[in-house]
């Protein structure tokens, strides 16, 4: 049922990324020039939140912190993984696990790691056991890597030992990885947030991929030009509509984006980066001053919907 050009599209995407690829340990401090916050800071940090010196704002580039990375092997995770973490931000840190799309591998979306780490949030990119794994297999593997990330807080040789807030862990996924994230938004105990990029659930067996039992704040990105079986056909819209009442949710359909425009925070447009960061600062870190920056962009919008965001 997959479109005939799926493989060739992924090869083209891989080629484009590989053209300028650098080692994960030598990525530039800021791949996109930082954007200054548009407004002044909003009040004091909530007492129970993880707050940084960075003022709440709309940022599309890498943040004020340096970052480092290290690898996890196939002996530790299903397909290997890379952990990006802040080098000079005060711990504890929250963390995210990013699960890849169908036929996708880590370097296709590696830029998300430095982006979040330089803003004070750990991000793990992971490979699946095989690039052809199903949505349901990806969901199980994402659960494993979420557990591994939390375990890094206690592992003796981990650079993150004693530096993670394991109550603040979120899931991210692109395409079939997005479908895996939707499943874990219902099933993974203690998950704090979920973010999908052109999510796919049409081939999923687990009914929780449909969104009806989602338990955590969820951010859904999709592209209006995505007409693929892998991410189009109203899949993100359907999940947004199905998320139960009372659960904070955001749906941004980018007018100019297709299925392959999610390999970096700014690949679809710069607003995606700002919204993704503000969402995780607000709901993963608990700094609700950032909610004001989860707002409809001034351009490139096909659909913008929100519900149950805090005042």
C-alpha atoms as a PDB file:
ATOM      1  CA  UNK A   1       0.000   0.000   0.000  1.00  0.00           C
ATOM      2  CA  UNK A   2       3.024   2.274   0.154  1.00  0.00           C
ATOM      3  CA  UNK A   3       3.522   4.727  -2.708  1.00  0.00           C
ATOM      4  CA  UNK A   4       5.926   3.557  -5.370  1.00  0.00           C
ATOM      5  CA  UNK A   5       8.213   6.519  -4.975  1.00  0.00           C
ATOM      6  CA  UNK A   6       8.692   6.193  -1.207  1.00  0.00           C
ATOM      7  CA  UNK A   7      12.117   4.577  -1.453  1.00  0.00           C
ATOM      8  CA  UNK A   8      13.395   6.994  -4.083  1.00  0.00           C
ATOM      9  CA  UNK A   9      12.153   9.959  -2.049  1.00  0.00           C
ATOM     10  CA  UNK A  10      14.021   8.732   1.025  1.00  0.00           C
ATOM     11  CA  UNK A  11      17.181   8.192  -1.035  1.00  0.00           C
ATOM     12  CA  UNK A  12      16.904  11.751  -2.325  1.00  0.00           C
ATOM     13  CA  UNK A  13      16.430  13.026   1.209  1.00  0.00           C
ATOM     14  CA  UNK A  14      19.408  11.024   2.445  1.00  0.00           C
ATOM     15  CA  UNK A  15      21.562  12.433  -0.351  1.00  0.00           C
ATOM     16  CA  UNK A  16      20.626  16.014   0.470  1.00  0.00           C
ATOM     17  CA  UNK A  17      21.394  15.540   4.137  1.00  0.00           C
ATOM     18  CA  UNK A  18      24.645  13.701   3.497  1.00  0.00           C
ATOM     19  CA  UNK A  19      25.936  16.511   1.284  1.00  0.00           C
ATOM     20  CA  UNK A  20      26.601  18.730   4.269  1.00  0.00           C
ATOM     21  CA  UNK A  21      26.839  16.124   6.986  1.00  0.00           C
ATOM     22  CA  UNK A  22      29.330  16.601   9.825  1.00  0.00           C
ATOM     23  CA  UNK A  23      30.183  14.299  12.694  1.00  0.00           C
ATOM     24  CA  UNK A  24      27.740  14.543  15.593  1.00  0.00           C
ATOM     25  CA  UNK A  25      30.692  15.562  17.762  1.00  0.00           C
ATOM     26  CA  UNK A  26      31.692  18.439  15.482  1.00  0.00           C
ATOM     27  CA  UNK A  27      28.343  20.024  14.655  1.00  0.00           C
ATOM     28  CA  UNK A  28      28.505  23.803  14.690  1.00  0.00           C
ATOM     29  CA  UNK A  29      27.387  25.573  17.837  1.00  0.00           C
ATOM     30  CA  UNK A  30      24.503  27.175  15.942  1.00  0.00           C
ATOM     31  CA  UNK A  31      23.377  25.667  12.652  1.00  0.00           C
ATOM     32  CA  UNK A  32      20.737  28.367  12.280  1.00  0.00           C
ATOM     33  CA  UNK A  33      21.377  31.918  13.528  1.00  0.00           C
ATOM     34  CA  UNK A  34      19.580  32.426  16.857  1.00  0.00           C
ATOM     35  CA  UNK A  35      16.413  34.494  16.805  1.00  0.00           C
ATOM     36  CA  UNK A  36      16.018  36.921  19.688  1.00  0.00           C
ATOM     37  CA  UNK A  37      12.880  36.536  21.810  1.00  0.00           C
ATOM     38  CA  UNK A  38      10.123  38.802  20.551  1.00  0.00           C
ATOM     39  CA  UNK A  39       8.915  39.940  23.967  1.00  0.00           C
ATOM     40  CA  UNK A  40      10.201  40.539  27.489  1.00  0.00           C
ATOM     41  CA  UNK A  41      10.334  37.720  30.054  1.00  0.00           C
ATOM     42  CA  UNK A  42       6.968  36.930  31.640  1.00  0.00           C
ATOM     43  CA  UNK A  43       7.102  36.951  35.426  1.00  0.00           C
ATOM     44  CA  UNK A  44       8.904  34.535  37.717  1.00  0.00           C
ATOM     45  CA  UNK A  45       9.764  30.887  37.169  1.00  0.00           C
ATOM     46  CA  UNK A  46       7.033  28.538  38.491  1.00  0.00           C
ATOM     47  CA  UNK A  47       8.212  26.939  41.724  1.00  0.00           C
ATOM     48  CA  UNK A  48       8.059  23.345  40.490  1.00  0.00           C
ATOM     49  CA  UNK A  49       9.534  23.962  37.008  1.00  0.00           C
ATOM     50  CA  UNK A  50      12.971  23.464  35.484  1.00  0.00           C
ATOM     51  CA  UNK A  51      13.887  27.017  34.513  1.00  0.00           C
ATOM     52  CA  UNK A  52      16.977  28.341  32.773  1.00  0.00           C
ATOM     53  CA  UNK A  53      18.592  31.739  32.407  1.00  0.00           C
ATOM     54  CA  UNK A  54      17.304  31.828  28.815  1.00  0.00           C
ATOM     55  CA  UNK A  55      14.312  34.169  28.649  1.00  0.00           C
ATOM     56  CA  UNK A  56      11.046  32.694  27.342  1.00  0.00           C
ATOM     57  CA  UNK A  57      10.716  33.566  23.672  1.00  0.00           C
ATOM     58  CA  UNK A  58      10.421  32.324  20.111  1.00  0.00           C
ATOM     59  CA  UNK A  59      13.798  30.841  19.147  1.00  0.00           C
ATOM     60  CA  UNK A  60      14.550  29.180  15.839  1.00  0.00           C
ATOM     61  CA  UNK A  61      18.290  28.686  16.269  1.00  0.00           C
ATOM     62  CA  UNK A  62      20.512  26.894  18.716  1.00  0.00           C
ATOM     63  CA  UNK A  63      20.468  28.194  22.257  1.00  0.00           C
ATOM     64  CA  UNK A  64      22.907  29.688  24.768  1.00  0.00           C
ATOM     65  CA  UNK A  65      24.480  26.436  25.972  1.00  0.00           C
ATOM     66  CA  UNK A  66      27.211  24.340  24.499  1.00  0.00           C
ATOM     67  CA  UNK A  67      26.375  20.695  23.891  1.00  0.00           C
ATOM     68  CA  UNK A  68      28.103  17.338  23.748  1.00  0.00           C
ATOM     69  CA  UNK A  69      27.098  13.938  22.462  1.00  0.00           C
ATOM     70  CA  UNK A  70      27.935  10.294  23.031  1.00  0.00           C
ATOM     71  CA  UNK A  71      26.819   7.033  21.476  1.00  0.00           C
ATOM     72  CA  UNK A  72      24.851   4.097  22.826  1.00  0.00           C
ATOM     73  CA  UNK A  73      25.520   0.783  21.108  1.00  0.00           C
ATOM     74  CA  UNK A  74      23.204  -1.906  19.786  1.00  0.00           C
ATOM     75  CA  UNK A  75      23.998  -3.794  22.976  1.00  0.00           C
ATOM     76  CA  UNK A  76      22.307  -0.986  24.922  1.00  0.00           C
ATOM     77  CA  UNK A  77      19.508  -0.025  22.512  1.00  0.00           C
ATOM     78  CA  UNK A  78      17.665  -1.802  19.665  1.00  0.00           C
ATOM     79  CA  UNK A  79      19.609  -0.138  16.831  1.00  0.00           C
ATOM     80  CA  UNK A  80      22.088   2.199  18.465  1.00  0.00           C
ATOM     81  CA  UNK A  81      21.490   5.776  19.588  1.00  0.00           C
ATOM     82  CA  UNK A  82      23.155   9.150  20.124  1.00  0.00           C
ATOM     83  CA  UNK A  83      22.614  11.249  23.241  1.00  0.00           C
ATOM     84  CA  UNK A  84      22.883  15.037  22.893  1.00  0.00           C
ATOM     85  CA  UNK A  85      23.088  16.906  26.185  1.00  0.00           C
ATOM     86  CA  UNK A  86      23.884  20.413  27.482  1.00  0.00           C
ATOM     87  CA  UNK A  87      27.551  20.933  28.241  1.00  0.00           C
ATOM     88  CA  UNK A  88      27.266  23.898  30.594  1.00  0.00           C
ATOM     89  CA  UNK A  89      23.648  24.218  31.721  1.00  0.00           C
ATOM     90  CA  UNK A  90      22.846  23.584  35.355  1.00  0.00           C
ATOM     91  CA  UNK A  91      21.309  20.117  35.894  1.00  0.00           C
ATOM     92  CA  UNK A  92      18.887  18.449  36.261  1.00  0.00           C
ATOM     93  CA  UNK A  93      17.802  18.066  32.636  1.00  0.00           C
ATOM     94  CA  UNK A  94      14.623  16.826  31.047  1.00  0.00           C
ATOM     95  CA  UNK A  95      14.950  14.472  28.087  1.00  0.00           C
ATOM     96  CA  UNK A  96      13.414  13.408  24.779  1.00  0.00           C
ATOM     97  CA  UNK A  97      13.684  10.287  22.622  1.00  0.00           C
ATOM     98  CA  UNK A  98      13.265  10.823  18.851  1.00  0.00           C
ATOM     99  CA  UNK A  99      12.149   7.779  16.818  1.00  0.00           C
ATOM    100  CA  UNK A 100      12.864   7.709  13.063  1.00  0.00           C
ATOM    101  CA  UNK A 101      10.597   7.472  10.025  1.00  0.00           C
ATOM    102  CA  UNK A 102      10.148   4.504   7.721  1.00  0.00           C
ATOM    103  CA  UNK A 103      13.571   3.645   6.224  1.00  0.00           C
ATOM    104  CA  UNK A 104      15.048   6.533   8.209  1.00  0.00           C
ATOM    105  CA  UNK A 105      18.306   6.634  10.165  1.00  0.00           C
ATOM    106  CA  UNK A 106      19.692   8.973  12.786  1.00  0.00           C
ATOM    107  CA  UNK A 107      21.719  11.346  10.663  1.00  0.00           C
ATOM    108  CA  UNK A 108      18.618  12.333   8.694  1.00  0.00           C
ATOM    109  CA  UNK A 109      17.307  14.207  11.736  1.00  0.00           C
ATOM    110  CA  UNK A 110      20.469  14.725  13.802  1.00  0.00           C
ATOM    111  CA  UNK A 111      20.040  18.523  13.861  1.00  0.00           C
ATOM    112  CA  UNK A 112      17.224  18.184  16.398  1.00  0.00           C
ATOM    113  CA  UNK A 113      19.788  16.989  18.965  1.00  0.00           C
ATOM    114  CA  UNK A 114      21.999  20.091  19.159  1.00  0.00           C
ATOM    115  CA  UNK A 115      18.924  22.323  18.943  1.00  0.00           C
ATOM    116  CA  UNK A 116      17.303  20.948  22.079  1.00  0.00           C
ATOM    117  CA  UNK A 117      20.553  20.291  23.960  1.00  0.00           C
ATOM    118  CA  UNK A 118      21.720  23.874  23.438  1.00  0.00           C
ATOM    119  CA  UNK A 119      18.443  25.027  24.993  1.00  0.00           C
ATOM    120  CA  UNK A 120      18.957  22.805  28.052  1.00  0.00           C
ATOM    121  CA  UNK A 121      17.011  19.645  27.072  1.00  0.00           C
ATOM    122  CA  UNK A 122      18.613  16.242  26.419  1.00  0.00           C
ATOM    123  CA  UNK A 123      17.606  14.604  23.135  1.00  0.00           C
ATOM    124  CA  UNK A 124      18.323  11.035  22.053  1.00  0.00           C
ATOM    125  CA  UNK A 125      18.237  10.102  18.376  1.00  0.00           C
ATOM    126  CA  UNK A 126      17.796   6.373  17.823  1.00  0.00           C
ATOM    127  CA  UNK A 127      17.966   3.812  15.065  1.00  0.00           C
ATOM    128  CA  UNK A 128      15.460   1.001  14.921  1.00  0.00           C
ATOM    129  CA  UNK A 129      16.423  -2.664  14.682  1.00  0.00           C
ATOM    130  CA  UNK A 130      15.816  -2.470  10.927  1.00  0.00           C
ATOM    131  CA  UNK A 131      14.788   0.507   8.842  1.00  0.00           C
ATOM    132  CA  UNK A 132      11.673  -1.397   7.716  1.00  0.00           C
ATOM    133  CA  UNK A 133      10.243  -1.942  11.211  1.00  0.00           C
ATOM    134  CA  UNK A 134       6.510  -1.367  11.651  1.00  0.00           C
ATOM    135  CA  UNK A 135       4.848   1.327  13.738  1.00  0.00           C
ATOM    136  CA  UNK A 136       4.179  -1.174  16.511  1.00  0.00           C
ATOM    137  CA  UNK A 137       7.767  -2.405  16.508  1.00  0.00           C
ATOM    138  CA  UNK A 138       8.990   1.184  16.634  1.00  0.00           C
ATOM    139  CA  UNK A 139       6.724   1.876  19.610  1.00  0.00           C
ATOM    140  CA  UNK A 140       8.219  -1.027  21.547  1.00  0.00           C
ATOM    141  CA  UNK A 141      11.734   0.072  20.661  1.00  0.00           C
ATOM    142  CA  UNK A 142      10.969   3.664  21.638  1.00  0.00           C
ATOM    143  CA  UNK A 143       9.827   2.377  25.035  1.00  0.00           C
ATOM    144  CA  UNK A 144      13.145   0.575  25.398  1.00  0.00           C
ATOM    145  CA  UNK A 145      15.147   3.709  24.602  1.00  0.00           C
ATOM    146  CA  UNK A 146      12.996   5.788  26.963  1.00  0.00           C
ATOM    147  CA  UNK A 147      13.922   3.303  29.685  1.00  0.00           C
ATOM    148  CA  UNK A 148      17.586   3.462  28.656  1.00  0.00           C
ATOM    149  CA  UNK A 149      17.553   7.259  28.822  1.00  0.00           C
ATOM    150  CA  UNK A 150      16.166   7.194  32.342  1.00  0.00           C
ATOM    151  CA  UNK A 151      18.772   4.581  33.245  1.00  0.00           C
ATOM    152  CA  UNK A 152      21.556   6.958  32.175  1.00  0.00           C
ATOM    153  CA  UNK A 153      20.850   8.871  35.371  1.00  0.00           C
ATOM    154  CA  UNK A 154      22.199   5.910  37.369  1.00  0.00           C
ATOM    155  CA  UNK A 155      24.694   4.211  35.027  1.00  0.00           C
ATOM    156  CA  UNK A 156      28.182   4.577  36.483  1.00  0.00           C
ATOM    157  CA  UNK A 157      29.924   5.518  33.227  1.00  0.00           C
ATOM    158  CA  UNK A 158      27.180   7.819  31.926  1.00  0.00           C
ATOM    159  CA  UNK A 159      27.998  11.506  31.331  1.00  0.00           C
ATOM    160  CA  UNK A 160      24.454  12.141  32.587  1.00  0.00           C
ATOM    161  CA  UNK A 161      24.775  10.269  35.861  1.00  0.00           C
ATOM    162  CA  UNK A 162      22.854  12.201  38.496  1.00  0.00           C
ATOM    163  CA  UNK A 163      21.927  14.932  35.998  1.00  0.00           C
ATOM    164  CA  UNK A 164      18.514  13.844  34.679  1.00  0.00           C
ATOM    165  CA  UNK A 165      15.075  14.564  36.044  1.00  0.00           C
ATOM    166  CA  UNK A 166      13.578  11.189  35.140  1.00  0.00           C
ATOM    167  CA  UNK A 167      10.061  12.459  35.823  1.00  0.00           C
ATOM    168  CA  UNK A 168      10.431  14.764  32.799  1.00  0.00           C
ATOM    169  CA  UNK A 169      10.829  12.472  29.781  1.00  0.00           C
ATOM    170  CA  UNK A 170       9.064  12.926  26.435  1.00  0.00           C
ATOM    171  CA  UNK A 171       8.684  11.126  23.104  1.00  0.00           C
ATOM    172  CA  UNK A 172       9.174  12.495  19.585  1.00  0.00           C
ATOM    173  CA  UNK A 173       8.728  10.773  16.234  1.00  0.00           C
ATOM    174  CA  UNK A 174       8.592  11.358  12.488  1.00  0.00           C
ATOM    175  CA  UNK A 175       6.250   9.423  10.170  1.00  0.00           C
ATOM    176  CA  UNK A 176       6.068   5.835  11.518  1.00  0.00           C
ATOM    177  CA  UNK A 177       8.083   7.146  14.457  1.00  0.00           C
ATOM    178  CA  UNK A 178       5.251   9.599  14.996  1.00  0.00           C
ATOM    179  CA  UNK A 179       2.795   6.719  15.118  1.00  0.00           C
ATOM    180  CA  UNK A 180       5.044   5.040  17.688  1.00  0.00           C
ATOM    181  CA  UNK A 181       4.965   8.256  19.718  1.00  0.00           C
ATOM    182  CA  UNK A 182       1.148   8.336  19.587  1.00  0.00           C
ATOM    183  CA  UNK A 183       1.081   4.791  20.984  1.00  0.00           C
ATOM    184  CA  UNK A 184       3.422   5.676  23.821  1.00  0.00           C
ATOM    185  CA  UNK A 185       1.474   8.847  24.578  1.00  0.00           C
ATOM    186  CA  UNK A 186      -1.186   6.412  25.804  1.00  0.00           C
ATOM    187  CA  UNK A 187       0.929   3.535  27.091  1.00  0.00           C
ATOM    188  CA  UNK A 188       4.298   4.611  28.487  1.00  0.00           C
ATOM    189  CA  UNK A 189       4.032   5.138  32.232  1.00  0.00           C
ATOM    190  CA  UNK A 190       5.309   8.516  33.358  1.00  0.00           C
ATOM    191  CA  UNK A 191       5.687  10.027  29.887  1.00  0.00           C
ATOM    192  CA  UNK A 192       5.458  13.809  30.094  1.00  0.00           C
ATOM    193  CA  UNK A 193       4.981  14.980  26.467  1.00  0.00           C
ATOM    194  CA  UNK A 194       4.568  13.742  22.894  1.00  0.00           C
ATOM    195  CA  UNK A 195       5.486  15.431  19.597  1.00  0.00           C
ATOM    196  CA  UNK A 196       4.815  13.999  16.136  1.00  0.00           C
ATOM    197  CA  UNK A 197       6.113  15.133  12.749  1.00  0.00           C
ATOM    198  CA  UNK A 198       4.003  13.923   9.812  1.00  0.00           C
ATOM    199  CA  UNK A 199       2.811  11.037  11.961  1.00  0.00           C
ATOM    200  CA  UNK A 200       1.564   7.735  10.508  1.00  0.00           C
ATOM    201  CA  UNK A 201      -0.926   5.304  12.025  1.00  0.00           C
ATOM    202  CA  UNK A 202      -2.729   3.708   9.055  1.00  0.00           C
ATOM    203  CA  UNK A 203      -0.600   0.569   9.249  1.00  0.00           C
ATOM    204  CA  UNK A 204      -0.534   0.402  13.067  1.00  0.00           C
ATOM    205  CA  UNK A 205      -2.153  -2.552  14.804  1.00  0.00           C
ATOM    206  CA  UNK A 206      -2.251  -1.000  18.284  1.00  0.00           C
ATOM    207  CA  UNK A 207      -5.471   1.063  18.551  1.00  0.00           C
ATOM    208  CA  UNK A 208      -3.688   3.552  20.802  1.00  0.00           C
ATOM    209  CA  UNK A 209      -2.014   4.906  17.662  1.00  0.00           C
ATOM    210  CA  UNK A 210      -5.365   6.615  16.940  1.00  0.00           C
ATOM    211  CA  UNK A 211      -5.081   9.022  19.882  1.00  0.00           C
ATOM    212  CA  UNK A 212      -8.198   8.153  21.868  1.00  0.00           C
ATOM    213  CA  UNK A 213      -6.287   7.167  25.007  1.00  0.00           C
ATOM    214  CA  UNK A 214      -3.602   9.866  24.884  1.00  0.00           C
ATOM    215  CA  UNK A 215      -2.638  10.914  28.401  1.00  0.00           C
ATOM    216  CA  UNK A 216      -0.003  13.628  27.873  1.00  0.00           C
ATOM    217  CA  UNK A 217       0.242  17.077  26.228  1.00  0.00           C
ATOM    218  CA  UNK A 218       0.715  16.483  22.516  1.00  0.00           C
ATOM    219  CA  UNK A 219       2.125  18.642  19.710  1.00  0.00           C
ATOM    220  CA  UNK A 220       1.366  17.539  16.148  1.00  0.00           C
ATOM    221  CA  UNK A 221       3.094  18.964  13.075  1.00  0.00           C
ATOM    222  CA  UNK A 222       2.103  18.043   9.539  1.00  0.00           C
ATOM    223  CA  UNK A 223       2.460  19.464   6.035  1.00  0.00           C
ATOM    224  CA  UNK A 224      -0.422  20.469   3.787  1.00  0.00           C
ATOM    225  CA  UNK A 225       1.560  19.146   0.815  1.00  0.00           C
ATOM    226  CA  UNK A 226       1.933  15.704   2.406  1.00  0.00           C
ATOM    227  CA  UNK A 227      -0.382  13.441   0.445  1.00  0.00           C
ATOM    228  CA  UNK A 228       1.568  10.270   1.192  1.00  0.00           C
ATOM    229  CA  UNK A 229       0.304   7.119   2.865  1.00  0.00           C
ATOM    230  CA  UNK A 230       3.143   7.611   5.353  1.00  0.00           C
ATOM    231  CA  UNK A 231       1.956  10.930   6.752  1.00  0.00           C
ATOM    232  CA  UNK A 232      -0.905  12.454   4.801  1.00  0.00           C
ATOM    233  CA  UNK A 233      -4.558  11.468   4.400  1.00  0.00           C
ATOM    234  CA  UNK A 234      -5.653  13.237   7.576  1.00  0.00           C
ATOM    235  CA  UNK A 235      -3.755  11.041  10.027  1.00  0.00           C
ATOM    236  CA  UNK A 236      -2.537  13.896  12.263  1.00  0.00           C
ATOM    237  CA  UNK A 237      -5.916  15.619  12.074  1.00  0.00           C
ATOM    238  CA  UNK A 238      -7.609  12.438  13.212  1.00  0.00           C
ATOM    239  CA  UNK A 239      -5.314  11.988  16.199  1.00  0.00           C
ATOM    240  CA  UNK A 240      -5.745  15.611  17.246  1.00  0.00           C
ATOM    241  CA  UNK A 241      -9.519  15.224  17.137  1.00  0.00           C
ATOM    242  CA  UNK A 242      -9.367  11.975  19.116  1.00  0.00           C
ATOM    243  CA  UNK A 243      -7.226  13.221  22.011  1.00  0.00           C
ATOM    244  CA  UNK A 244      -9.473  13.279  25.092  1.00  0.00           C
ATOM    245  CA  UNK A 245     -10.912  16.439  26.558  1.00  0.00           C
ATOM    246  CA  UNK A 246      -8.658  18.165  29.049  1.00  0.00           C
ATOM    247  CA  UNK A 247      -5.358  17.076  27.479  1.00  0.00           C
ATOM    248  CA  UNK A 248      -3.371  20.072  26.151  1.00  0.00           C
ATOM    249  CA  UNK A 249      -2.886  19.711  22.404  1.00  0.00           C
ATOM    250  CA  UNK A 250      -1.564  21.734  19.470  1.00  0.00           C
ATOM    251  CA  UNK A 251      -1.881  21.023  15.740  1.00  0.00           C
ATOM    252  CA  UNK A 252       0.116  23.042  13.214  1.00  0.00           C
ATOM    253  CA  UNK A 253      -0.227  22.103   9.548  1.00  0.00           C
ATOM    254  CA  UNK A 254       2.466  23.939   7.602  1.00  0.00           C
ATOM    255  CA  UNK A 255       1.122  25.181   4.264  1.00  0.00           C
ATOM    256  CA  UNK A 256       4.403  24.728   2.351  1.00  0.00           C
ATOM    257  CA  UNK A 257       5.621  21.447   3.886  1.00  0.00           C
ATOM    258  CA  UNK A 258       5.550  17.872   2.622  1.00  0.00           C
ATOM    259  CA  UNK A 259       6.432  14.547   4.194  1.00  0.00           C
ATOM    260  CA  UNK A 260      10.215  14.947   3.979  1.00  0.00           C
ATOM    261  CA  UNK A 261      10.490  18.435   5.499  1.00  0.00           C
ATOM    262  CA  UNK A 262      11.150  17.502   9.138  1.00  0.00           C
ATOM    263  CA  UNK A 263      14.853  16.609   9.229  1.00  0.00           C
ATOM    264  CA  UNK A 264      15.778  19.696  11.247  1.00  0.00           C
ATOM    265  CA  UNK A 265      13.893  22.173  13.447  1.00  0.00           C
ATOM    266  CA  UNK A 266      13.757  24.690  10.585  1.00  0.00           C
ATOM    267  CA  UNK A 267      13.411  22.381   7.562  1.00  0.00           C
ATOM    268  CA  UNK A 268       9.673  23.113   7.253  1.00  0.00           C
ATOM    269  CA  UNK A 269      10.000  26.703   8.471  1.00  0.00           C
ATOM    270  CA  UNK A 270      11.515  28.626  11.384  1.00  0.00           C
ATOM    271  CA  UNK A 271       8.219  28.779  13.297  1.00  0.00           C
ATOM    272  CA  UNK A 272       8.295  25.003  13.775  1.00  0.00           C
ATOM    273  CA  UNK A 273      11.480  25.323  15.836  1.00  0.00           C
ATOM    274  CA  UNK A 274      10.085  28.076  18.034  1.00  0.00           C
ATOM    275  CA  UNK A 275       6.813  26.262  18.685  1.00  0.00           C
ATOM    276  CA  UNK A 276       8.534  22.933  19.378  1.00  0.00           C
ATOM    277  CA  UNK A 277      10.881  24.540  21.899  1.00  0.00           C
ATOM    278  CA  UNK A 278       8.160  26.578  23.627  1.00  0.00           C
ATOM    279  CA  UNK A 279       5.924  23.497  23.895  1.00  0.00           C
ATOM    280  CA  UNK A 280       8.621  21.437  25.597  1.00  0.00           C
ATOM    281  CA  UNK A 281       9.728  24.247  27.870  1.00  0.00           C
ATOM    282  CA  UNK A 282       6.108  24.666  28.966  1.00  0.00           C
ATOM    283  CA  UNK A 283       4.994  21.041  29.311  1.00  0.00           C
ATOM    284  CA  UNK A 284       8.193  19.004  29.684  1.00  0.00           C
ATOM    285  CA  UNK A 285      10.095  21.446  31.901  1.00  0.00           C
ATOM    286  CA  UNK A 286       6.941  22.929  33.431  1.00  0.00           C
ATOM    287  CA  UNK A 287       7.904  26.564  32.769  1.00  0.00           C
ATOM    288  CA  UNK A 288       4.463  27.820  31.770  1.00  0.00           C
ATOM    289  CA  UNK A 289       5.826  31.279  30.949  1.00  0.00           C
ATOM    290  CA  UNK A 290       6.613  29.752  27.534  1.00  0.00           C
ATOM    291  CA  UNK A 291       2.948  29.046  26.742  1.00  0.00           C
ATOM    292  CA  UNK A 292       2.607  32.537  25.266  1.00  0.00           C
ATOM    293  CA  UNK A 293       5.034  31.455  22.520  1.00  0.00           C
ATOM    294  CA  UNK A 294       2.905  28.505  21.449  1.00  0.00           C
ATOM    295  CA  UNK A 295       1.030  30.725  19.068  1.00  0.00           C
ATOM    296  CA  UNK A 296      -0.229  30.802  15.513  1.00  0.00           C
ATOM    297  CA  UNK A 297       2.504  31.857  13.078  1.00  0.00           C
ATOM    298  CA  UNK A 298       1.886  34.910  10.955  1.00  0.00           C
ATOM    299  CA  UNK A 299       2.466  32.993   7.701  1.00  0.00           C
ATOM    300  CA  UNK A 300       2.699  29.537   6.157  1.00  0.00           C
ATOM    301  CA  UNK A 301      -0.340  28.199   7.996  1.00  0.00           C
ATOM    302  CA  UNK A 302      -2.815  25.746   6.506  1.00  0.00           C
ATOM    303  CA  UNK A 303      -4.276  24.737   9.892  1.00  0.00           C
ATOM    304  CA  UNK A 304      -3.678  25.955  13.425  1.00  0.00           C
ATOM    305  CA  UNK A 305      -5.618  24.490  16.319  1.00  0.00           C
ATOM    306  CA  UNK A 306      -5.066  24.397  20.067  1.00  0.00           C
ATOM    307  CA  UNK A 307      -7.056  23.222  23.066  1.00  0.00           C
ATOM    308  CA  UNK A 308      -6.664  23.129  26.845  1.00  0.00           C
ATOM    309  CA  UNK A 309      -3.515  25.245  26.971  1.00  0.00           C
ATOM    310  CA  UNK A 310      -2.991  26.902  30.367  1.00  0.00           C
ATOM    311  CA  UNK A 311      -3.676  30.616  30.659  1.00  0.00           C
END
